[in-house]
Amino acid sequence: MLSPAVTDALANGIPVRNGRPDYTLAAALKKVSPETQAKAKTQSEDFEAMFLNSMVSQMTSSLKGDGPFGDTVGTGAWRSMLTDQYSRSIVKAGGLGISADVYRSLILKQAGAS
């Protein structure tokens, strides 16, 4: 169950961070155009996907045998594309939370509130 402060914040369009209303980000969002907000969102999600791709690539680099991660001709290209899609899917499903912090930092920088 959400606390009353969080429920009120969400009802009023105030972002929530770590279970608390983020009034600093809310104020910064008012100073930044919707286009800039969308660009920051895309960049932060791309950054998290790149980070996850690096992690997933390292985890799958030592896999041998049959299947998509096997040791056949063209496996490197296949593995690269597959890990990229895995990373993007993880981000779209909520990710690790990296993109939320990157987004917040970008918005605060753009608003001059950092």
PDB file of N, CA and C in Angstrom:
ATOM      1  N   MET A   1       0.839  -1.176   0.000  1.00  0.00           N
ATOM      2  CA  MET A   1       0.000   0.000   0.000  1.00  0.00           C
ATOM      3  C   MET A   1       0.889   1.247   0.000  1.00  0.00           C
ATOM      4  N   LEU A   2       0.493   2.213  -0.785  1.00  0.00           N
ATOM      5  CA  LEU A   2       1.255   3.456  -0.888  1.00  0.00           C
ATOM      6  C   LEU A   2       0.920   4.390   0.260  1.00  0.00           C
ATOM      7  N   SER A   3       1.913   5.148   0.673  1.00  0.00           N
ATOM      8  CA  SER A   3       1.684   6.130   1.727  1.00  0.00           C
ATOM      9  C   SER A   3       0.802   7.252   1.186  1.00  0.00           C
ATOM     10  N   PRO A   4       0.127   7.976   2.063  1.00  0.00           N
ATOM     11  CA  PRO A   4      -0.706   9.095   1.605  1.00  0.00           C
ATOM     12  C   PRO A   4       0.088  10.148   0.833  1.00  0.00           C
ATOM     13  N   ALA A   5       1.328  10.401   1.236  1.00  0.00           N
ATOM     14  CA  ALA A   5       2.154  11.398   0.541  1.00  0.00           C
ATOM     15  C   ALA A   5       2.432  10.968  -0.896  1.00  0.00           C
ATOM     16  N   VAL A   6       2.721   9.687  -1.084  1.00  0.00           N
ATOM     17  CA  VAL A   6       2.998   9.174  -2.428  1.00  0.00           C
ATOM     18  C   VAL A   6       1.726   9.172  -3.261  1.00  0.00           C
ATOM     19  N   THR A   7       0.621   8.772  -2.669  1.00  0.00           N
ATOM     20  CA  THR A   7      -0.660   8.768  -3.379  1.00  0.00           C
ATOM     21  C   THR A   7      -1.023  10.172  -3.843  1.00  0.00           C
ATOM     22  N   ASP A   8      -0.855  11.159  -2.962  1.00  0.00           N
ATOM     23  CA  ASP A   8      -1.134  12.556  -3.328  1.00  0.00           C
ATOM     24  C   ASP A   8      -0.191  13.035  -4.429  1.00  0.00           C
ATOM     25  N   ALA A   9       1.085  12.680  -4.307  1.00  0.00           N
ATOM     26  CA  ALA A   9       2.067  13.095  -5.310  1.00  0.00           C
ATOM     27  C   ALA A   9       1.702  12.528  -6.680  1.00  0.00           C
ATOM     28  N   LEU A  10       1.380  11.252  -6.725  1.00  0.00           N
ATOM     29  CA  LEU A  10       1.025  10.627  -8.001  1.00  0.00           C
ATOM     30  C   LEU A  10      -0.245  11.233  -8.582  1.00  0.00           C
ATOM     31  N   ALA A  11      -1.209  11.530  -7.727  1.00  0.00           N
ATOM     32  CA  ALA A  11      -2.463  12.132  -8.189  1.00  0.00           C
ATOM     33  C   ALA A  11      -2.236  13.527  -8.770  1.00  0.00           C
ATOM     34  N   ASN A  12      -1.215  14.221  -8.293  1.00  0.00           N
ATOM     35  CA  ASN A  12      -0.923  15.580  -8.754  1.00  0.00           C
ATOM     36  C   ASN A  12       0.185  15.626  -9.808  1.00  0.00           C
ATOM     37  N   GLY A  13       0.591  14.462 -10.312  1.00  0.00           N
ATOM     38  CA  GLY A  13       1.600  14.418 -11.364  1.00  0.00           C
ATOM     39  C   GLY A  13       3.018  14.671 -10.895  1.00  0.00           C
ATOM     40  N   ILE A  14       3.271  14.514  -9.612  1.00  0.00           N
ATOM     41  CA  ILE A  14       4.618  14.714  -9.067  1.00  0.00           C
ATOM     42  C   ILE A  14       5.354  13.375  -9.118  1.00  0.00           C
ATOM     43  N   PRO A  15       6.558  13.340  -9.691  1.00  0.00           N
ATOM     44  CA  PRO A  15       7.298  12.080  -9.758  1.00  0.00           C
ATOM     45  C   PRO A  15       7.652  11.569  -8.366  1.00  0.00           C
ATOM     46  N   VAL A  16       7.814  10.260  -8.276  1.00  0.00           N
ATOM     47  CA  VAL A  16       8.177   9.617  -7.016  1.00  0.00           C
ATOM     48  C   VAL A  16       9.544   8.973  -7.195  1.00  0.00           C
ATOM     49  N   ARG A  17      10.402   9.150  -6.201  1.00  0.00           N
ATOM     50  CA  ARG A  17      11.751   8.582  -6.235  1.00  0.00           C
ATOM     51  C   ARG A  17      12.030   7.928  -4.898  1.00  0.00           C
ATOM     52  N   ASN A  18      12.409   6.667  -4.924  1.00  0.00           N
ATOM     53  CA  ASN A  18      12.709   5.906  -3.711  1.00  0.00           C
ATOM     54  C   ASN A  18      11.563   5.948  -2.710  1.00  0.00           C
ATOM     55  N   GLY A  19      10.348   5.896  -3.224  1.00  0.00           N
ATOM     56  CA  GLY A  19       9.180   5.854  -2.355  1.00  0.00           C
ATOM     57  C   GLY A  19       8.776   7.185  -1.759  1.00  0.00           C
ATOM     58  N   ARG A  20       9.354   8.274  -2.269  1.00  0.00           N
ATOM     59  CA  ARG A  20       9.021   9.608  -1.756  1.00  0.00           C
ATOM     60  C   ARG A  20       8.769  10.555  -2.921  1.00  0.00           C
ATOM     61  N   PRO A  21       7.899  11.538  -2.722  1.00  0.00           N
ATOM     62  CA  PRO A  21       7.681  12.529  -3.787  1.00  0.00           C
ATOM     63  C   PRO A  21       8.980  13.272  -4.103  1.00  0.00           C
ATOM     64  N   ASP A  22       9.254  13.453  -5.382  1.00  0.00           N
ATOM     65  CA  ASP A  22      10.469  14.139  -5.822  1.00  0.00           C
ATOM     66  C   ASP A  22      10.094  15.542  -6.304  1.00  0.00           C
ATOM     67  N   TYR A  23      10.000  16.461  -5.359  1.00  0.00           N
ATOM     68  CA  TYR A  23       9.595  17.830  -5.679  1.00  0.00           C
ATOM     69  C   TYR A  23      10.658  18.570  -6.492  1.00  0.00           C
ATOM     70  N   THR A  24      11.930  18.192  -6.314  1.00  0.00           N
ATOM     71  CA  THR A  24      13.008  18.818  -7.080  1.00  0.00           C
ATOM     72  C   THR A  24      12.856  18.508  -8.565  1.00  0.00           C
ATOM     73  N   LEU A  25      12.593  17.246  -8.873  1.00  0.00           N
ATOM     74  CA  LEU A  25      12.396  16.860 -10.267  1.00  0.00           C
ATOM     75  C   LEU A  25      11.121  17.476 -10.823  1.00  0.00           C
ATOM     76  N   ALA A  26      10.079  17.534 -10.023  1.00  0.00           N
ATOM     77  CA  ALA A  26       8.819  18.138 -10.477  1.00  0.00           C
ATOM     78  C   ALA A  26       9.029  19.597 -10.868  1.00  0.00           C
ATOM     79  N   ALA A  27       9.792  20.332 -10.064  1.00  0.00           N
ATOM     80  CA  ALA A  27      10.068  21.739 -10.375  1.00  0.00           C
ATOM     81  C   ALA A  27      10.923  21.858 -11.634  1.00  0.00           C
ATOM     82  N   ALA A  28      11.896  20.969 -11.779  1.00  0.00           N
ATOM     83  CA  ALA A  28      12.769  21.008 -12.955  1.00  0.00           C
ATOM     84  C   ALA A  28      11.998  20.672 -14.228  1.00  0.00           C
ATOM     85  N   LEU A  29      11.055  19.742 -14.144  1.00  0.00           N
ATOM     86  CA  LEU A  29      10.268  19.361 -15.320  1.00  0.00           C
ATOM     87  C   LEU A  29       9.444  20.525 -15.857  1.00  0.00           C
ATOM     88  N   LYS A  30       9.050  21.435 -14.968  1.00  0.00           N
ATOM     89  CA  LYS A  30       8.278  22.606 -15.396  1.00  0.00           C
ATOM     90  C   LYS A  30       9.128  23.567 -16.229  1.00  0.00           C
ATOM     91  N   LYS A  31      10.449  23.522 -16.042  1.00  0.00           N
ATOM     92  CA  LYS A  31      11.354  24.427 -16.746  1.00  0.00           C
ATOM     93  C   LYS A  31      11.861  23.853 -18.072  1.00  0.00           C
ATOM     94  N   VAL A  32      11.615  22.575 -18.299  1.00  0.00           N
ATOM     95  CA  VAL A  32      12.167  21.888 -19.466  1.00  0.00           C
ATOM     96  C   VAL A  32      11.038  21.542 -20.435  1.00  0.00           C
ATOM     97  N   SER A  33      11.274  21.761 -21.713  1.00  0.00           N
ATOM     98  CA  SER A  33      10.244  21.511 -22.736  1.00  0.00           C
ATOM     99  C   SER A  33       9.922  20.019 -22.842  1.00  0.00           C
ATOM    100  N   PRO A  34       8.722  19.687 -23.296  1.00  0.00           N
ATOM    101  CA  PRO A  34       8.360  18.280 -23.492  1.00  0.00           C
ATOM    102  C   PRO A  34       9.290  17.560 -24.473  1.00  0.00           C
ATOM    103  N   GLU A  35       9.778  18.280 -25.477  1.00  0.00           N
ATOM    104  CA  GLU A  35      10.706  17.671 -26.431  1.00  0.00           C
ATOM    105  C   GLU A  35      12.009  17.277 -25.742  1.00  0.00           C
ATOM    106  N   THR A  36      12.505  18.159 -24.885  1.00  0.00           N
ATOM    107  CA  THR A  36      13.733  17.872 -24.146  1.00  0.00           C
ATOM    108  C   THR A  36      13.509  16.726 -23.175  1.00  0.00           C
ATOM    109  N   GLN A  37      12.349  16.686 -22.552  1.00  0.00           N
ATOM    110  CA  GLN A  37      12.026  15.581 -21.647  1.00  0.00           C
ATOM    111  C   GLN A  37      12.020  14.249 -22.395  1.00  0.00           C
ATOM    112  N   ALA A  38      11.417  14.238 -23.581  1.00  0.00           N
ATOM    113  CA  ALA A  38      11.357  13.011 -24.381  1.00  0.00           C
ATOM    114  C   ALA A  38      12.755  12.574 -24.813  1.00  0.00           C
ATOM    115  N   LYS A  39      13.577  13.548 -25.203  1.00  0.00           N
ATOM    116  CA  LYS A  39      14.947  13.240 -25.617  1.00  0.00           C
ATOM    117  C   LYS A  39      15.750  12.686 -24.439  1.00  0.00           C
ATOM    118  N   ALA A  40      15.590  13.277 -23.262  1.00  0.00           N
ATOM    119  CA  ALA A  40      16.291  12.799 -22.069  1.00  0.00           C
ATOM    120  C   ALA A  40      15.844  11.385 -21.713  1.00  0.00           C
ATOM    121  N   LYS A  41      14.557  11.110 -21.868  1.00  0.00           N
ATOM    122  CA  LYS A  41      14.019   9.777 -21.584  1.00  0.00           C
ATOM    123  C   LYS A  41      14.643   8.750 -22.524  1.00  0.00           C
ATOM    124  N   THR A  42      14.688   9.081 -23.807  1.00  0.00           N
ATOM    125  CA  THR A  42      15.273   8.176 -24.797  1.00  0.00           C
ATOM    126  C   THR A  42      16.755   7.944 -24.522  1.00  0.00           C
ATOM    127  N   GLN A  43      17.489   9.018 -24.235  1.00  0.00           N
ATOM    128  CA  GLN A  43      18.924   8.895 -23.975  1.00  0.00           C
ATOM    129  C   GLN A  43      19.198   8.075 -22.720  1.00  0.00           C
ATOM    130  N   SER A  44      18.398   8.269 -21.683  1.00  0.00           N
ATOM    131  CA  SER A  44      18.620   7.523 -20.444  1.00  0.00           C
ATOM    132  C   SER A  44      18.315   6.037 -20.643  1.00  0.00           C
ATOM    133  N   GLU A  45      17.275   5.725 -21.417  1.00  0.00           N
ATOM    134  CA  GLU A  45      16.958   4.323 -21.694  1.00  0.00           C
ATOM    135  C   GLU A  45      18.020   3.690 -22.591  1.00  0.00           C
ATOM    136  N   ASP A  46      18.535   4.446 -23.552  1.00  0.00           N
ATOM    137  CA  ASP A  46      19.613   3.941 -24.407  1.00  0.00           C
ATOM    138  C   ASP A  46      20.871   3.664 -23.588  1.00  0.00           C
ATOM    139  N   PHE A  47      21.167   4.531 -22.626  1.00  0.00           N
ATOM    140  CA  PHE A  47      22.329   4.326 -21.765  1.00  0.00           C
ATOM    141  C   PHE A  47      22.173   3.045 -20.953  1.00  0.00           C
ATOM    142  N   GLU A  48      20.993   2.844 -20.361  1.00  0.00           N
ATOM    143  CA  GLU A  48      20.773   1.630 -19.574  1.00  0.00           C
ATOM    144  C   GLU A  48      20.852   0.391 -20.463  1.00  0.00           C
ATOM    145  N   ALA A  49      20.313   0.464 -21.676  1.00  0.00           N
ATOM    146  CA  ALA A  49      20.382  -0.668 -22.598  1.00  0.00           C
ATOM    147  C   ALA A  49      21.832  -0.986 -22.960  1.00  0.00           C
ATOM    148  N   MET A  50      22.653   0.059 -23.171  1.00  0.00           N
ATOM    149  CA  MET A  50      24.063  -0.144 -23.481  1.00  0.00           C
ATOM    150  C   MET A  50      24.774  -0.824 -22.306  1.00  0.00           C
ATOM    151  N   PHE A  51      24.479  -0.374 -21.096  1.00  0.00           N
ATOM    152  CA  PHE A  51      25.078  -0.971 -19.902  1.00  0.00           C
ATOM    153  C   PHE A  51      24.666  -2.438 -19.778  1.00  0.00           C
ATOM    154  N   LEU A  52      23.371  -2.708 -19.933  1.00  0.00           N
ATOM    155  CA  LEU A  52      22.886  -4.083 -19.844  1.00  0.00           C
ATOM    156  C   LEU A  52      23.464  -4.947 -20.958  1.00  0.00           C
ATOM    157  N   ASN A  53      23.603  -4.380 -22.155  1.00  0.00           N
ATOM    158  CA  ASN A  53      24.182  -5.128 -23.264  1.00  0.00           C
ATOM    159  C   ASN A  53      25.600  -5.563 -22.923  1.00  0.00           C
ATOM    160  N   SER A  54      26.351  -4.680 -22.304  1.00  0.00           N
ATOM    161  CA  SER A  54      27.712  -5.015 -21.896  1.00  0.00           C
ATOM    162  C   SER A  54      27.709  -6.159 -20.884  1.00  0.00           C
ATOM    163  N   MET A  55      26.791  -6.087 -19.923  1.00  0.00           N
ATOM    164  CA  MET A  55      26.699  -7.149 -18.910  1.00  0.00           C
ATOM    165  C   MET A  55      26.282  -8.480 -19.528  1.00  0.00           C
ATOM    166  N   VAL A  56      25.230  -8.454 -20.349  1.00  0.00           N
ATOM    167  CA  VAL A  56      24.726  -9.685 -20.958  1.00  0.00           C
ATOM    168  C   VAL A  56      25.767 -10.272 -21.908  1.00  0.00           C
ATOM    169  N   SER A  57      26.475  -9.428 -22.639  1.00  0.00           N
ATOM    170  CA  SER A  57      27.524  -9.911 -23.544  1.00  0.00           C
ATOM    171  C   SER A  57      28.608 -10.647 -22.774  1.00  0.00           C
ATOM    172  N   GLN A  58      29.012 -10.102 -21.644  1.00  0.00           N
ATOM    173  CA  GLN A  58      30.023 -10.766 -20.825  1.00  0.00           C
ATOM    174  C   GLN A  58      29.513 -12.097 -20.283  1.00  0.00           C
ATOM    175  N   MET A  59      28.241 -12.119 -19.888  1.00  0.00           N
ATOM    176  CA  MET A  59      27.670 -13.351 -19.337  1.00  0.00           C
ATOM    177  C   MET A  59      27.569 -14.444 -20.396  1.00  0.00           C
ATOM    178  N   THR A  60      27.305 -14.081 -21.633  1.00  0.00           N
ATOM    179  CA  THR A  60      27.094 -15.082 -22.677  1.00  0.00           C
ATOM    180  C   THR A  60      28.347 -15.376 -23.493  1.00  0.00           C
ATOM    181  N   SER A  61      29.413 -14.646 -23.286  1.00  0.00           N
ATOM    182  CA  SER A  61      30.612 -14.809 -24.120  1.00  0.00           C
ATOM    183  C   SER A  61      31.278 -16.168 -23.943  1.00  0.00           C
ATOM    184  N   SER A  62      31.112 -16.799 -22.810  1.00  0.00           N
ATOM    185  CA  SER A  62      31.782 -18.076 -22.576  1.00  0.00           C
ATOM    186  C   SER A  62      30.885 -19.278 -22.853  1.00  0.00           C
ATOM    187  N   LEU A  63      29.645 -19.047 -23.299  1.00  0.00           N
ATOM    188  CA  LEU A  63      28.741 -20.162 -23.579  1.00  0.00           C
ATOM    189  C   LEU A  63      29.161 -20.875 -24.856  1.00  0.00           C
ATOM    190  N   LYS A  64      29.180 -22.172 -24.803  1.00  0.00           N
ATOM    191  CA  LYS A  64      29.535 -22.999 -25.962  1.00  0.00           C
ATOM    192  C   LYS A  64      28.426 -24.023 -26.172  1.00  0.00           C
ATOM    193  N   GLY A  65      28.431 -24.665 -27.324  1.00  0.00           N
ATOM    194  CA  GLY A  65      27.467 -25.722 -27.590  1.00  0.00           C
ATOM    195  C   GLY A  65      26.477 -25.324 -28.660  1.00  0.00           C
ATOM    196  N   ASP A  66      25.339 -25.998 -28.688  1.00  0.00           N
ATOM    197  CA  ASP A  66      24.306 -25.765 -29.689  1.00  0.00           C
ATOM    198  C   ASP A  66      23.420 -24.594 -29.301  1.00  0.00           C
ATOM    199  N   GLY A  67      22.592 -24.175 -30.245  1.00  0.00           N
ATOM    200  CA  GLY A  67      21.632 -23.115 -29.965  1.00  0.00           C
ATOM    201  C   GLY A  67      22.166 -21.753 -30.342  1.00  0.00           C
ATOM    202  N   PRO A  68      21.432 -20.715 -29.973  1.00  0.00           N
ATOM    203  CA  PRO A  68      21.803 -19.360 -30.396  1.00  0.00           C
ATOM    204  C   PRO A  68      23.136 -18.875 -29.840  1.00  0.00           C
ATOM    205  N   PHE A  69      23.595 -19.476 -28.746  1.00  0.00           N
ATOM    206  CA  PHE A  69      24.873 -19.061 -28.176  1.00  0.00           C
ATOM    207  C   PHE A  69      25.966 -20.085 -28.458  1.00  0.00           C
ATOM    208  N   GLY A  70      25.709 -20.989 -29.380  1.00  0.00           N
ATOM    209  CA  GLY A  70      26.662 -22.040 -29.706  1.00  0.00           C
ATOM    210  C   GLY A  70      27.916 -21.507 -30.367  1.00  0.00           C
ATOM    211  N   ASP A  71      28.753 -22.428 -30.771  1.00  0.00           N
ATOM    212  CA  ASP A  71      30.045 -22.070 -31.348  1.00  0.00           C
ATOM    213  C   ASP A  71      30.050 -22.427 -32.830  1.00  0.00           C
ATOM    214  N   THR A  72      29.260 -21.710 -33.627  1.00  0.00           N
ATOM    215  CA  THR A  72      29.158 -21.983 -35.053  1.00  0.00           C
ATOM    216  C   THR A  72      29.551 -20.740 -35.845  1.00  0.00           C
ATOM    217  N   VAL A  73      29.589 -20.893 -37.170  1.00  0.00           N
ATOM    218  CA  VAL A  73      29.897 -19.763 -38.045  1.00  0.00           C
ATOM    219  C   VAL A  73      28.787 -18.717 -37.902  1.00  0.00           C
ATOM    220  N   GLY A  74      29.147 -17.476 -37.709  1.00  0.00           N
ATOM    221  CA  GLY A  74      28.155 -16.404 -37.582  1.00  0.00           C
ATOM    222  C   GLY A  74      27.605 -16.223 -36.183  1.00  0.00           C
ATOM    223  N   THR A  75      28.077 -17.023 -35.238  1.00  0.00           N
ATOM    224  CA  THR A  75      27.564 -16.924 -33.874  1.00  0.00           C
ATOM    225  C   THR A  75      27.819 -15.550 -33.272  1.00  0.00           C
ATOM    226  N   GLY A  76      28.970 -14.970 -33.571  1.00  0.00           N
ATOM    227  CA  GLY A  76      29.299 -13.661 -33.001  1.00  0.00           C
ATOM    228  C   GLY A  76      28.285 -12.600 -33.374  1.00  0.00           C
ATOM    229  N   ALA A  77      27.905 -12.559 -34.644  1.00  0.00           N
ATOM    230  CA  ALA A  77      26.911 -11.572 -35.091  1.00  0.00           C
ATOM    231  C   ALA A  77      25.551 -11.865 -34.480  1.00  0.00           C
ATOM    232  N   TRP A  78      25.163 -13.130 -34.475  1.00  0.00           N
ATOM    233  CA  TRP A  78      23.874 -13.527 -33.901  1.00  0.00           C
ATOM    234  C   TRP A  78      23.833 -13.181 -32.412  1.00  0.00           C
ATOM    235  N   ARG A  79      24.896 -13.529 -31.708  1.00  0.00           N
ATOM    236  CA  ARG A  79      24.955 -13.283 -30.270  1.00  0.00           C
ATOM    237  C   ARG A  79      24.872 -11.789 -29.977  1.00  0.00           C
ATOM    238  N   SER A  80      25.572 -10.991 -30.772  1.00  0.00           N
ATOM    239  CA  SER A  80      25.557  -9.541 -30.583  1.00  0.00           C
ATOM    240  C   SER A  80      24.148  -8.974 -30.741  1.00  0.00           C
ATOM    241  N   MET A  81      23.450  -9.396 -31.796  1.00  0.00           N
ATOM    242  CA  MET A  81      22.083  -8.899 -32.025  1.00  0.00           C
ATOM    243  C   MET A  81      21.128  -9.385 -30.939  1.00  0.00           C
ATOM    244  N   LEU A  82      21.292 -10.642 -30.522  1.00  0.00           N
ATOM    245  CA  LEU A  82      20.412 -11.205 -29.505  1.00  0.00           C
ATOM    246  C   LEU A  82      20.608 -10.519 -28.154  1.00  0.00           C
ATOM    247  N   THR A  83      21.858 -10.297 -27.760  1.00  0.00           N
ATOM    248  CA  THR A  83      22.093  -9.625 -26.482  1.00  0.00           C
ATOM    249  C   THR A  83      21.601  -8.186 -26.514  1.00  0.00           C
ATOM    250  N   ASP A  84      21.700  -7.537 -27.673  1.00  0.00           N
ATOM    251  CA  ASP A  84      21.173  -6.179 -27.807  1.00  0.00           C
ATOM    252  C   ASP A  84      19.658  -6.179 -27.600  1.00  0.00           C
ATOM    253  N   GLN A  85      18.967  -7.132 -28.204  1.00  0.00           N
ATOM    254  CA  GLN A  85      17.510  -7.202 -28.047  1.00  0.00           C
ATOM    255  C   GLN A  85      17.117  -7.587 -26.624  1.00  0.00           C
ATOM    256  N   TYR A  86      17.869  -8.496 -26.003  1.00  0.00           N
ATOM    257  CA  TYR A  86      17.613  -8.826 -24.598  1.00  0.00           C
ATOM    258  C   TYR A  86      17.727  -7.570 -23.734  1.00  0.00           C
ATOM    259  N   SER A  87      18.765  -6.797 -23.965  1.00  0.00           N
ATOM    260  CA  SER A  87      19.001  -5.581 -23.181  1.00  0.00           C
ATOM    261  C   SER A  87      17.866  -4.586 -23.348  1.00  0.00           C
ATOM    262  N   ARG A  88      17.439  -4.372 -24.579  1.00  0.00           N
ATOM    263  CA  ARG A  88      16.339  -3.435 -24.837  1.00  0.00           C
ATOM    264  C   ARG A  88      15.027  -3.932 -24.232  1.00  0.00           C
ATOM    265  N   SER A  89      14.807  -5.242 -24.261  1.00  0.00           N
ATOM    266  CA  SER A  89      13.598  -5.812 -23.659  1.00  0.00           C
ATOM    267  C   SER A  89      13.598  -5.623 -22.145  1.00  0.00           C
ATOM    268  N   ILE A  90      14.744  -5.794 -21.529  1.00  0.00           N
ATOM    269  CA  ILE A  90      14.856  -5.605 -20.079  1.00  0.00           C
ATOM    270  C   ILE A  90      14.546  -4.156 -19.716  1.00  0.00           C
ATOM    271  N   VAL A  91      15.074  -3.213 -20.487  1.00  0.00           N
ATOM    272  CA  VAL A  91      14.818  -1.790 -20.227  1.00  0.00           C
ATOM    273  C   VAL A  91      13.338  -1.480 -20.382  1.00  0.00           C
ATOM    274  N   LYS A  92      12.705  -1.995 -21.441  1.00  0.00           N
ATOM    275  CA  LYS A  92      11.278  -1.731 -21.669  1.00  0.00           C
ATOM    276  C   LYS A  92      10.411  -2.335 -20.564  1.00  0.00           C
ATOM    277  N   ALA A  93      10.892  -3.411 -19.936  1.00  0.00           N
ATOM    278  CA  ALA A  93      10.153  -4.061 -18.855  1.00  0.00           C
ATOM    279  C   ALA A  93      10.395  -3.394 -17.502  1.00  0.00           C
ATOM    280  N   GLY A  94      11.171  -2.339 -17.470  1.00  0.00           N
ATOM    281  CA  GLY A  94      11.427  -1.640 -16.216  1.00  0.00           C
ATOM    282  C   GLY A  94      12.894  -1.509 -15.885  1.00  0.00           C
ATOM    283  N   GLY A  95      13.706  -2.367 -16.455  1.00  0.00           N
ATOM    284  CA  GLY A  95      15.148  -2.268 -16.275  1.00  0.00           C
ATOM    285  C   GLY A  95      15.616  -2.420 -14.845  1.00  0.00           C
ATOM    286  N   LEU A  96      16.781  -1.880 -14.594  1.00  0.00           N
ATOM    287  CA  LEU A  96      17.400  -1.942 -13.275  1.00  0.00           C
ATOM    288  C   LEU A  96      17.214  -0.656 -12.483  1.00  0.00           C
ATOM    289  N   GLY A  97      16.663   0.357 -13.107  1.00  0.00           N
ATOM    290  CA  GLY A  97      16.482   1.643 -12.449  1.00  0.00           C
ATOM    291  C   GLY A  97      17.558   2.654 -12.789  1.00  0.00           C
ATOM    292  N   ILE A  98      18.507   2.240 -13.597  1.00  0.00           N
ATOM    293  CA  ILE A  98      19.586   3.144 -13.988  1.00  0.00           C
ATOM    294  C   ILE A  98      19.036   4.301 -14.808  1.00  0.00           C
ATOM    295  N   SER A  99      18.129   3.995 -15.723  1.00  0.00           N
ATOM    296  CA  SER A  99      17.618   5.044 -16.615  1.00  0.00           C
ATOM    297  C   SER A  99      16.853   6.120 -15.847  1.00  0.00           C
ATOM    298  N   ALA A 100      16.182   5.753 -14.767  1.00  0.00           N
ATOM    299  CA  ALA A 100      15.446   6.747 -13.977  1.00  0.00           C
ATOM    300  C   ALA A 100      16.401   7.762 -13.350  1.00  0.00           C
ATOM    301  N   ASP A 101      17.525   7.275 -12.828  1.00  0.00           N
ATOM    302  CA  ASP A 101      18.502   8.188 -12.225  1.00  0.00           C
ATOM    303  C   ASP A 101      19.205   9.038 -13.284  1.00  0.00           C
ATOM    304  N   VAL A 102      19.513   8.430 -14.427  1.00  0.00           N
ATOM    305  CA  VAL A 102      20.141   9.189 -15.515  1.00  0.00           C
ATOM    306  C   VAL A 102      19.170  10.252 -16.026  1.00  0.00           C
ATOM    307  N   TYR A 103      17.903   9.878 -16.191  1.00  0.00           N
ATOM    308  CA  TYR A 103      16.871  10.826 -16.643  1.00  0.00           C
ATOM    309  C   TYR A 103      16.777  12.003 -15.677  1.00  0.00           C
ATOM    310  N   ARG A 104      16.738  11.710 -14.391  1.00  0.00           N
ATOM    311  CA  ARG A 104      16.645  12.765 -13.375  1.00  0.00           C
ATOM    312  C   ARG A 104      17.841  13.710 -13.484  1.00  0.00           C
ATOM    313  N   SER A 105      19.030  13.147 -13.628  1.00  0.00           N
ATOM    314  CA  SER A 105      20.241  13.970 -13.742  1.00  0.00           C
ATOM    315  C   SER A 105      20.205  14.853 -14.983  1.00  0.00           C
ATOM    316  N   LEU A 106      19.769  14.286 -16.108  1.00  0.00           N
ATOM    317  CA  LEU A 106      19.693  15.071 -17.342  1.00  0.00           C
ATOM    318  C   LEU A 106      18.695  16.217 -17.221  1.00  0.00           C
ATOM    319  N   ILE A 107      17.538  15.938 -16.636  1.00  0.00           N
ATOM    320  CA  ILE A 107      16.513  16.978 -16.488  1.00  0.00           C
ATOM    321  C   ILE A 107      17.005  18.077 -15.547  1.00  0.00           C
ATOM    322  N   LEU A 108      17.619  17.692 -14.432  1.00  0.00           N
ATOM    323  CA  LEU A 108      18.120  18.700 -13.492  1.00  0.00           C
ATOM    324  C   LEU A 108      19.203  19.558 -14.140  1.00  0.00           C
ATOM    325  N   LYS A 109      20.063  18.945 -14.946  1.00  0.00           N
ATOM    326  CA  LYS A 109      21.095  19.723 -15.651  1.00  0.00           C
ATOM    327  C   LYS A 109      20.452  20.695 -16.634  1.00  0.00           C
ATOM    328  N   GLN A 110      19.479  20.210 -17.388  1.00  0.00           N
ATOM    329  CA  GLN A 110      18.812  21.064 -18.371  1.00  0.00           C
ATOM    330  C   GLN A 110      18.079  22.222 -17.703  1.00  0.00           C
ATOM    331  N   ALA A 111      17.512  21.967 -16.543  1.00  0.00           N
ATOM    332  CA  ALA A 111      16.760  23.004 -15.839  1.00  0.00           C
ATOM    333  C   ALA A 111      17.675  23.931 -15.044  1.00  0.00           C
ATOM    334  N   GLY A 112      18.935  23.550 -14.912  1.00  0.00           N
ATOM    335  CA  GLY A 112      19.866  24.366 -14.140  1.00  0.00           C
ATOM    336  C   GLY A 112      19.651  24.249 -12.647  1.00  0.00           C
ATOM    337  N   ALA A 113      19.065  23.131 -12.216  1.00  0.00           N
ATOM    338  CA  ALA A 113      18.725  22.960 -10.804  1.00  0.00           C
ATOM    339  C   ALA A 113      19.658  22.008 -10.080  1.00  0.00           C
ATOM    340  N   SER A 114      20.737  21.598 -10.730  1.00  0.00           N
ATOM    341  CA  SER A 114      21.589  20.611 -10.073  1.00  0.00           C
ATOM    342  C   SER A 114      22.587  21.248  -9.138  1.00  0.00           C
TER     343      SER A 114
END
